[in-house]
Amino acid sequence: MESPPIEELSHFSHRHPLIKISDILDEEDQVICSGCEHDLLGGSAYTCTKMNCNFILHDSCFDLPRQIKHKSHPKHTLSLHFKPPYYDGEYTCDACGNSGHAFTFHCEKCKFDLHVECACLPEIEEREDHQHPLTLCYNSSNLFVGKEVEVDVLCYVCKKGVG
C-alpha cells in the first residue's frame, strides 16, 4: 500500500515549504526551534523541506497568532515578527531582560518586545512547590516580576519567597 503524500505547508516566517514531523527528536539531537530558540524534544514539529536548511519550529511556534493584546503592554497590539526589527538582529525582551534573535512580539510605536515564551506565560499557575495559586504580576512599568529578574519575589498571601 502506498503512503499518502506529505503535505507541504507555508509559514510567514520562512520562504521554503515546511512539513510536519512527529516524535523523531530526542535529547541527543539538540535541535533548537527557529522561533523561540528553545530545545525541541519529542512531540511534533515543522521542518524545512530544503536539504541544507535547518529551519524548524515547535508546533506551538508554528501556530502563534500574528497579533496579540498583552497585559504587559495594554496600550498597543503586539505583532509577531520572525526576526528582530532592529538593524543588529537582536532585541531585549522587556519582560525578562534577556536578548533574543528570533521571534518577538513587537510594538512598533514603543519599541517594546516580548519573547514568545514570556508572552505565553500563564496568568495563573498552580505549583506543587507552593500552597497558593500564583498570579502573574507586573511592576509599575507593566513589566513582569519573576524569577528572571534579580529580586526576591514574595507570595502576597503567605509572604514567603517564591522562585
N, C-alpha and C. Protein backbone atom coordinates (compact mmCIF):
# COMPACT_ATOMS: atom_id res chain seq x y z
N MET A 1 0.84 -1.18 0.00
CA MET A 1 0.00 0.00 0.00
C MET A 1 0.89 1.25 0.00
N GLU A 2 0.55 2.18 -0.80
CA GLU A 2 1.32 3.40 -0.96
C GLU A 2 0.97 4.39 0.14
N SER A 3 2.02 5.05 0.74
CA SER A 3 1.75 6.04 1.78
C SER A 3 1.23 7.33 1.15
N PRO A 4 0.40 8.05 1.91
CA PRO A 4 -0.16 9.30 1.38
C PRO A 4 0.96 10.32 1.17
N PRO A 5 0.77 11.24 0.24
CA PRO A 5 1.79 12.26 0.01
C PRO A 5 1.94 13.17 1.24
N ILE A 6 3.16 13.61 1.46
CA ILE A 6 3.43 14.50 2.58
C ILE A 6 2.96 15.90 2.21
N GLU A 7 2.16 16.48 3.10
CA GLU A 7 1.62 17.81 2.84
C GLU A 7 2.67 18.87 3.16
N GLU A 8 2.95 19.72 2.19
CA GLU A 8 3.86 20.83 2.39
C GLU A 8 3.05 22.05 2.81
N LEU A 9 3.54 22.74 3.82
CA LEU A 9 2.84 23.89 4.37
C LEU A 9 3.72 25.13 4.26
N SER A 10 3.09 26.27 4.26
CA SER A 10 3.87 27.51 4.27
C SER A 10 3.68 28.20 5.61
N HIS A 11 4.67 29.00 5.97
CA HIS A 11 4.62 29.79 7.20
C HIS A 11 5.20 31.15 6.89
N PHE A 12 4.60 32.20 7.41
CA PHE A 12 5.03 33.55 7.08
C PHE A 12 6.49 33.81 7.42
N SER A 13 7.08 33.04 8.33
CA SER A 13 8.42 33.30 8.80
C SER A 13 9.52 32.66 7.96
N HIS A 14 9.13 31.86 6.97
CA HIS A 14 10.16 31.12 6.22
C HIS A 14 9.78 31.03 4.75
N ARG A 15 10.75 31.15 3.90
CA ARG A 15 10.48 31.19 2.45
C ARG A 15 10.30 29.82 1.81
N HIS A 16 10.79 28.75 2.45
CA HIS A 16 10.65 27.40 1.88
C HIS A 16 9.42 26.69 2.48
N PRO A 17 8.92 25.68 1.79
CA PRO A 17 7.82 24.88 2.35
C PRO A 17 8.29 24.10 3.58
N LEU A 18 7.36 23.82 4.48
CA LEU A 18 7.63 23.05 5.69
C LEU A 18 6.78 21.79 5.68
N ILE A 19 7.27 20.76 6.37
CA ILE A 19 6.49 19.54 6.57
C ILE A 19 6.46 19.24 8.06
N LYS A 20 5.38 18.57 8.48
CA LYS A 20 5.25 18.20 9.88
C LYS A 20 5.98 16.88 10.11
N ILE A 21 6.76 16.85 11.18
CA ILE A 21 7.45 15.63 11.59
C ILE A 21 6.98 15.27 12.99
N SER A 22 6.98 13.98 13.32
CA SER A 22 6.48 13.54 14.62
C SER A 22 7.47 12.64 15.33
N ASP A 23 7.64 12.89 16.61
CA ASP A 23 8.38 12.03 17.53
C ASP A 23 9.71 11.50 17.00
N ILE A 24 10.49 12.32 16.33
CA ILE A 24 11.79 11.82 15.87
C ILE A 24 12.95 12.47 16.60
N LEU A 25 12.66 13.41 17.48
CA LEU A 25 13.72 14.11 18.20
C LEU A 25 13.85 13.56 19.61
N ASP A 26 15.09 13.41 20.07
CA ASP A 26 15.32 13.05 21.46
C ASP A 26 16.41 13.95 22.03
N GLU A 27 16.79 13.72 23.28
CA GLU A 27 17.72 14.61 23.97
C GLU A 27 19.07 14.71 23.26
N GLU A 28 19.49 13.69 22.58
CA GLU A 28 20.80 13.70 21.93
C GLU A 28 20.83 14.55 20.67
N ASP A 29 19.68 14.84 20.09
CA ASP A 29 19.64 15.61 18.84
C ASP A 29 20.01 17.08 19.03
N GLN A 30 19.69 17.67 20.16
CA GLN A 30 19.96 19.08 20.46
C GLN A 30 19.57 20.00 19.30
N VAL A 31 18.32 19.92 18.91
CA VAL A 31 17.79 20.77 17.85
C VAL A 31 17.11 21.97 18.50
N ILE A 32 17.36 23.16 17.98
CA ILE A 32 16.82 24.39 18.52
C ILE A 32 15.71 24.91 17.61
N CYS A 33 14.59 25.29 18.21
CA CYS A 33 13.48 25.87 17.46
C CYS A 33 13.90 27.22 16.90
N SER A 34 13.64 27.43 15.64
CA SER A 34 13.98 28.69 14.97
C SER A 34 13.08 29.84 15.39
N GLY A 35 12.00 29.55 16.10
CA GLY A 35 11.07 30.58 16.54
C GLY A 35 11.37 31.08 17.94
N CYS A 36 11.40 30.16 18.91
CA CYS A 36 11.58 30.55 20.31
C CYS A 36 13.00 30.36 20.82
N GLU A 37 13.82 29.70 20.05
CA GLU A 37 15.22 29.45 20.40
C GLU A 37 15.39 28.52 21.59
N HIS A 38 14.41 27.62 21.80
CA HIS A 38 14.50 26.61 22.85
C HIS A 38 14.64 25.23 22.22
N ASP A 39 15.12 24.27 23.01
CA ASP A 39 15.30 22.90 22.53
C ASP A 39 13.99 22.29 22.07
N LEU A 40 14.08 21.48 21.04
CA LEU A 40 12.96 20.67 20.58
C LEU A 40 13.18 19.27 21.11
N LEU A 41 12.27 18.79 21.93
CA LEU A 41 12.36 17.44 22.47
C LEU A 41 11.04 16.73 22.28
N GLY A 42 11.08 15.55 21.66
CA GLY A 42 9.87 14.77 21.48
C GLY A 42 8.78 15.53 20.75
N GLY A 43 7.59 14.98 20.74
CA GLY A 43 6.46 15.65 20.11
C GLY A 43 6.65 15.84 18.62
N SER A 44 5.91 16.77 18.07
CA SER A 44 6.00 17.03 16.64
C SER A 44 6.50 18.45 16.40
N ALA A 45 6.94 18.69 15.19
CA ALA A 45 7.48 19.99 14.81
C ALA A 45 7.30 20.14 13.30
N TYR A 46 7.63 21.32 12.81
CA TYR A 46 7.60 21.60 11.39
C TYR A 46 9.02 21.91 10.94
N THR A 47 9.47 21.23 9.90
CA THR A 47 10.83 21.40 9.43
C THR A 47 10.85 21.76 7.95
N CYS A 48 11.89 22.43 7.54
CA CYS A 48 12.03 22.86 6.15
C CYS A 48 12.27 21.65 5.24
N THR A 49 11.72 21.73 4.05
CA THR A 49 11.87 20.64 3.08
C THR A 49 13.19 20.72 2.31
N LYS A 50 13.89 21.84 2.38
CA LYS A 50 15.14 22.01 1.63
C LYS A 50 16.28 21.32 2.36
N MET A 51 17.14 20.65 1.61
CA MET A 51 18.19 19.80 2.15
C MET A 51 19.11 20.49 3.16
N ASN A 52 19.65 21.62 2.87
CA ASN A 52 20.64 22.25 3.74
C ASN A 52 20.07 23.39 4.59
N CYS A 53 18.78 23.42 4.74
CA CYS A 53 18.14 24.46 5.54
C CYS A 53 17.76 23.85 6.89
N ASN A 54 18.19 24.45 7.96
CA ASN A 54 17.96 23.90 9.30
C ASN A 54 16.78 24.54 10.02
N PHE A 55 15.89 25.16 9.30
CA PHE A 55 14.74 25.82 9.91
C PHE A 55 13.78 24.78 10.46
N ILE A 56 13.38 24.96 11.72
CA ILE A 56 12.44 24.04 12.36
C ILE A 56 11.66 24.80 13.43
N LEU A 57 10.38 24.49 13.58
CA LEU A 57 9.52 25.16 14.56
C LEU A 57 8.76 24.15 15.41
N HIS A 58 8.66 24.44 16.72
CA HIS A 58 7.72 23.71 17.57
C HIS A 58 6.33 23.83 16.96
N ASP A 59 5.45 22.91 17.26
CA ASP A 59 4.03 23.04 16.90
C ASP A 59 3.48 24.37 17.42
N SER A 60 3.78 24.67 18.68
CA SER A 60 3.23 25.88 19.29
C SER A 60 3.77 27.15 18.62
N CYS A 61 5.01 27.15 18.18
CA CYS A 61 5.57 28.32 17.49
C CYS A 61 4.98 28.46 16.09
N PHE A 62 4.70 27.34 15.45
CA PHE A 62 4.07 27.37 14.12
C PHE A 62 2.67 27.99 14.21
N ASP A 63 1.98 27.74 15.31
CA ASP A 63 0.58 28.17 15.48
C ASP A 63 0.41 29.50 16.19
N LEU A 64 1.48 30.23 16.43
CA LEU A 64 1.35 31.51 17.14
C LEU A 64 0.49 32.50 16.36
N PRO A 65 -0.30 33.29 17.07
CA PRO A 65 -1.09 34.32 16.38
C PRO A 65 -0.17 35.42 15.86
N ARG A 66 -0.56 36.07 14.80
CA ARG A 66 0.25 37.14 14.22
C ARG A 66 0.18 38.42 15.04
N GLN A 67 -0.88 38.59 15.83
CA GLN A 67 -1.01 39.76 16.70
C GLN A 67 -1.65 39.34 18.01
N ILE A 68 -1.24 40.02 19.09
CA ILE A 68 -1.83 39.76 20.40
C ILE A 68 -2.01 41.08 21.16
N LYS A 69 -2.96 41.08 22.08
CA LYS A 69 -3.06 42.13 23.10
C LYS A 69 -2.49 41.49 24.35
N HIS A 70 -1.60 42.22 25.05
CA HIS A 70 -0.95 41.64 26.22
C HIS A 70 -1.01 42.61 27.38
N LYS A 71 -1.26 42.10 28.59
CA LYS A 71 -1.40 42.95 29.77
C LYS A 71 -0.11 43.71 30.11
N SER A 72 1.02 43.23 29.65
CA SER A 72 2.28 43.92 29.94
C SER A 72 2.44 45.18 29.10
N HIS A 73 1.64 45.29 28.04
CA HIS A 73 1.70 46.45 27.14
C HIS A 73 0.29 46.74 26.64
N PRO A 74 -0.58 47.23 27.54
CA PRO A 74 -2.00 47.32 27.22
C PRO A 74 -2.38 48.39 26.20
N LYS A 75 -1.53 49.37 25.95
CA LYS A 75 -1.90 50.46 25.05
C LYS A 75 -1.93 50.08 23.58
N HIS A 76 -1.11 49.10 23.19
CA HIS A 76 -0.99 48.77 21.76
C HIS A 76 -1.00 47.26 21.53
N THR A 77 -1.38 46.89 20.34
CA THR A 77 -1.30 45.50 19.90
C THR A 77 0.15 45.16 19.59
N LEU A 78 0.55 43.94 19.92
CA LEU A 78 1.90 43.46 19.60
C LEU A 78 1.82 42.55 18.37
N SER A 79 2.73 42.76 17.44
CA SER A 79 2.77 41.96 16.21
C SER A 79 3.92 40.98 16.28
N LEU A 80 3.68 39.76 15.79
CA LEU A 80 4.72 38.74 15.76
C LEU A 80 5.67 39.02 14.61
N HIS A 81 6.94 39.18 14.92
CA HIS A 81 7.99 39.34 13.92
C HIS A 81 8.85 38.08 13.93
N PHE A 82 9.22 37.59 12.75
CA PHE A 82 10.02 36.38 12.70
C PHE A 82 11.50 36.65 12.91
N LYS A 83 11.89 37.90 12.91
CA LYS A 83 13.25 38.29 13.25
C LYS A 83 13.17 39.67 13.90
N PRO A 84 14.13 40.01 14.73
CA PRO A 84 14.08 41.31 15.40
C PRO A 84 14.04 42.45 14.38
N PRO A 85 13.23 43.47 14.64
CA PRO A 85 13.11 44.58 13.70
C PRO A 85 14.18 45.65 13.88
N TYR A 86 15.32 45.25 14.40
CA TYR A 86 16.41 46.19 14.65
C TYR A 86 17.61 45.84 13.77
N TYR A 87 18.39 46.85 13.44
CA TYR A 87 19.50 46.67 12.50
C TYR A 87 20.52 45.64 12.95
N ASP A 88 20.70 45.44 14.26
CA ASP A 88 21.71 44.50 14.75
C ASP A 88 21.20 43.06 14.85
N GLY A 89 19.91 42.82 14.51
CA GLY A 89 19.38 41.46 14.52
C GLY A 89 19.16 40.89 15.91
N GLU A 90 19.01 41.76 16.90
CA GLU A 90 18.84 41.31 18.28
C GLU A 90 17.84 42.24 18.97
N TYR A 91 17.15 41.71 19.97
CA TYR A 91 16.26 42.53 20.78
C TYR A 91 16.43 42.12 22.24
N THR A 92 16.01 42.97 23.13
CA THR A 92 15.98 42.66 24.56
C THR A 92 14.52 42.55 24.97
N CYS A 93 14.17 41.41 25.54
CA CYS A 93 12.80 41.18 25.99
C CYS A 93 12.50 42.13 27.14
N ASP A 94 11.42 42.88 27.01
CA ASP A 94 11.03 43.82 28.05
C ASP A 94 10.41 43.15 29.26
N ALA A 95 10.24 41.84 29.22
CA ALA A 95 9.73 41.11 30.37
C ALA A 95 10.86 40.56 31.23
N CYS A 96 11.73 39.78 30.63
CA CYS A 96 12.77 39.10 31.40
C CYS A 96 14.14 39.76 31.29
N GLY A 97 14.32 40.64 30.33
CA GLY A 97 15.59 41.33 30.17
C GLY A 97 16.64 40.59 29.39
N ASN A 98 16.31 39.38 28.92
CA ASN A 98 17.27 38.60 28.13
C ASN A 98 17.14 38.95 26.65
N SER A 99 18.21 38.70 25.91
CA SER A 99 18.19 39.02 24.49
C SER A 99 17.55 37.90 23.68
N GLY A 100 17.15 38.22 22.47
CA GLY A 100 16.58 37.25 21.55
C GLY A 100 17.01 37.59 20.14
N HIS A 101 17.01 36.55 19.29
CA HIS A 101 17.44 36.71 17.91
C HIS A 101 16.41 36.16 16.92
N ALA A 102 15.32 35.64 17.43
CA ALA A 102 14.31 35.02 16.57
C ALA A 102 12.97 35.72 16.77
N PHE A 103 11.88 34.97 16.89
CA PHE A 103 10.54 35.54 17.00
C PHE A 103 10.45 36.53 18.17
N THR A 104 9.72 37.60 17.95
CA THR A 104 9.40 38.55 19.01
C THR A 104 8.00 39.11 18.78
N PHE A 105 7.27 39.29 19.87
CA PHE A 105 6.04 40.06 19.81
C PHE A 105 6.47 41.50 20.04
N HIS A 106 6.20 42.37 19.06
CA HIS A 106 6.81 43.69 18.99
C HIS A 106 5.77 44.79 18.82
N CYS A 107 5.99 45.91 19.53
CA CYS A 107 5.20 47.12 19.33
C CYS A 107 6.08 48.12 18.59
N GLU A 108 5.70 48.45 17.39
CA GLU A 108 6.47 49.38 16.56
C GLU A 108 6.50 50.78 17.17
N LYS A 109 5.39 51.22 17.75
CA LYS A 109 5.30 52.57 18.30
C LYS A 109 6.23 52.77 19.49
N CYS A 110 6.33 51.76 20.35
CA CYS A 110 7.08 51.90 21.60
C CYS A 110 8.41 51.15 21.61
N LYS A 111 8.67 50.38 20.57
CA LYS A 111 9.87 49.53 20.52
C LYS A 111 9.88 48.56 21.72
N PHE A 112 8.71 48.02 22.01
CA PHE A 112 8.50 47.07 23.11
C PHE A 112 8.56 45.67 22.52
N ASP A 113 9.29 44.75 23.18
CA ASP A 113 9.45 43.38 22.68
C ASP A 113 9.24 42.36 23.77
N LEU A 114 8.62 41.23 23.40
CA LEU A 114 8.45 40.09 24.29
C LEU A 114 8.91 38.82 23.59
N HIS A 115 9.70 38.01 24.31
CA HIS A 115 9.97 36.65 23.82
C HIS A 115 8.63 35.93 23.66
N VAL A 116 8.57 34.98 22.80
CA VAL A 116 7.38 34.14 22.65
C VAL A 116 7.04 33.49 23.99
N GLU A 117 8.05 32.95 24.65
CA GLU A 117 7.83 32.27 25.92
C GLU A 117 7.28 33.22 26.98
N CYS A 118 7.81 34.43 27.06
CA CYS A 118 7.33 35.41 28.04
C CYS A 118 5.90 35.85 27.73
N ALA A 119 5.59 36.01 26.46
CA ALA A 119 4.24 36.42 26.06
C ALA A 119 3.20 35.34 26.36
N CYS A 120 3.64 34.10 26.45
CA CYS A 120 2.72 32.98 26.63
C CYS A 120 2.66 32.45 28.06
N LEU A 121 3.29 33.16 29.00
CA LEU A 121 3.21 32.72 30.39
C LEU A 121 1.76 32.73 30.86
N PRO A 122 1.38 31.72 31.66
CA PRO A 122 0.00 31.70 32.14
C PRO A 122 -0.25 32.82 33.15
N GLU A 123 -1.45 33.34 33.17
CA GLU A 123 -1.81 34.39 34.13
C GLU A 123 -1.89 33.84 35.56
N ILE A 124 -2.34 32.59 35.69
CA ILE A 124 -2.41 31.94 36.99
C ILE A 124 -1.79 30.56 36.85
N GLU A 125 -0.96 30.21 37.84
CA GLU A 125 -0.30 28.90 37.80
C GLU A 125 -0.37 28.26 39.17
N GLU A 126 -0.72 26.99 39.19
CA GLU A 126 -0.70 26.24 40.44
C GLU A 126 0.52 25.34 40.39
N ARG A 127 1.33 25.42 41.46
CA ARG A 127 2.57 24.66 41.51
C ARG A 127 2.60 23.78 42.74
N GLU A 128 3.28 22.64 42.63
CA GLU A 128 3.38 21.72 43.75
C GLU A 128 4.27 22.28 44.85
N ASP A 129 5.20 23.18 44.51
CA ASP A 129 6.14 23.70 45.50
C ASP A 129 5.61 24.92 46.25
N HIS A 130 4.35 25.29 46.01
CA HIS A 130 3.78 26.42 46.73
C HIS A 130 2.31 26.17 47.01
N GLN A 131 1.85 26.58 48.18
CA GLN A 131 0.50 26.22 48.62
C GLN A 131 -0.61 27.05 48.00
N HIS A 132 -0.29 28.21 47.41
CA HIS A 132 -1.32 29.06 46.82
C HIS A 132 -1.15 29.13 45.31
N PRO A 133 -2.24 29.37 44.58
CA PRO A 133 -2.08 29.65 43.15
C PRO A 133 -1.27 30.93 42.98
N LEU A 134 -0.42 30.97 41.97
CA LEU A 134 0.41 32.13 41.70
C LEU A 134 -0.18 32.90 40.53
N THR A 135 -0.29 34.20 40.70
CA THR A 135 -0.81 35.08 39.67
C THR A 135 0.33 35.91 39.11
N LEU A 136 0.43 35.96 37.79
CA LEU A 136 1.47 36.75 37.14
C LEU A 136 1.23 38.22 37.43
N CYS A 137 2.24 38.89 37.97
CA CYS A 137 2.11 40.29 38.35
C CYS A 137 3.04 41.14 37.50
N TYR A 138 2.70 42.39 37.40
CA TYR A 138 3.51 43.35 36.66
C TYR A 138 3.90 44.46 37.61
N ASN A 139 5.11 45.02 37.43
CA ASN A 139 5.51 46.14 38.28
C ASN A 139 4.93 47.43 37.72
N SER A 140 5.33 48.56 38.26
CA SER A 140 4.74 49.83 37.84
C SER A 140 5.02 50.16 36.38
N SER A 141 6.03 49.55 35.80
CA SER A 141 6.32 49.78 34.38
C SER A 141 5.58 48.78 33.50
N ASN A 142 4.69 47.97 34.12
CA ASN A 142 3.96 46.90 33.43
C ASN A 142 4.87 45.80 32.93
N LEU A 143 6.05 45.65 33.52
CA LEU A 143 6.93 44.54 33.15
C LEU A 143 6.72 43.41 34.14
N PHE A 144 7.10 42.21 33.73
CA PHE A 144 6.94 41.05 34.59
C PHE A 144 7.80 41.16 35.83
N VAL A 145 7.35 40.55 36.89
CA VAL A 145 8.17 40.37 38.07
C VAL A 145 8.26 38.86 38.24
N GLY A 146 9.44 38.32 38.11
CA GLY A 146 9.56 36.87 38.18
C GLY A 146 10.98 36.42 38.38
N LYS A 147 11.21 35.12 38.15
CA LYS A 147 12.50 34.53 38.50
C LYS A 147 13.66 35.01 37.63
N GLU A 148 13.41 35.60 36.46
CA GLU A 148 14.50 36.10 35.63
C GLU A 148 15.02 37.45 36.12
N VAL A 149 14.21 38.12 36.95
CA VAL A 149 14.59 39.42 37.47
C VAL A 149 15.27 39.19 38.82
N GLU A 150 16.36 39.91 39.08
CA GLU A 150 17.11 39.70 40.30
C GLU A 150 16.49 40.41 41.49
N VAL A 151 15.32 39.92 41.91
CA VAL A 151 14.65 40.42 43.11
C VAL A 151 14.05 39.22 43.83
N ASP A 152 13.80 39.40 45.12
CA ASP A 152 13.09 38.36 45.85
C ASP A 152 11.61 38.54 45.57
N VAL A 153 10.97 37.51 45.08
CA VAL A 153 9.54 37.56 44.79
C VAL A 153 8.82 36.92 45.95
N LEU A 154 7.88 37.65 46.53
CA LEU A 154 7.15 37.16 47.68
C LEU A 154 5.72 36.86 47.30
N CYS A 155 5.21 35.80 47.92
CA CYS A 155 3.79 35.49 47.79
C CYS A 155 3.03 36.51 48.61
N TYR A 156 2.05 37.18 48.01
CA TYR A 156 1.26 38.18 48.72
C TYR A 156 0.38 37.56 49.80
N VAL A 157 0.13 36.25 49.71
CA VAL A 157 -0.74 35.59 50.68
C VAL A 157 0.04 35.18 51.92
N CYS A 158 1.13 34.42 51.75
CA CYS A 158 1.84 33.90 52.91
C CYS A 158 3.14 34.64 53.20
N LYS A 159 3.53 35.58 52.33
CA LYS A 159 4.73 36.41 52.50
C LYS A 159 6.03 35.59 52.45
N LYS A 160 5.98 34.40 51.86
CA LYS A 160 7.18 33.57 51.70
C LYS A 160 7.72 33.75 50.30
N GLY A 161 9.03 33.55 50.16
CA GLY A 161 9.67 33.65 48.86
C GLY A 161 9.19 32.58 47.90
N VAL A 162 9.09 32.96 46.66
CA VAL A 162 8.67 32.05 45.60
C VAL A 162 9.73 32.09 44.52
N GLY A 163 10.12 30.97 43.98
CA GLY A 163 11.11 31.05 42.93
C GLY A 163 11.32 29.77 42.31
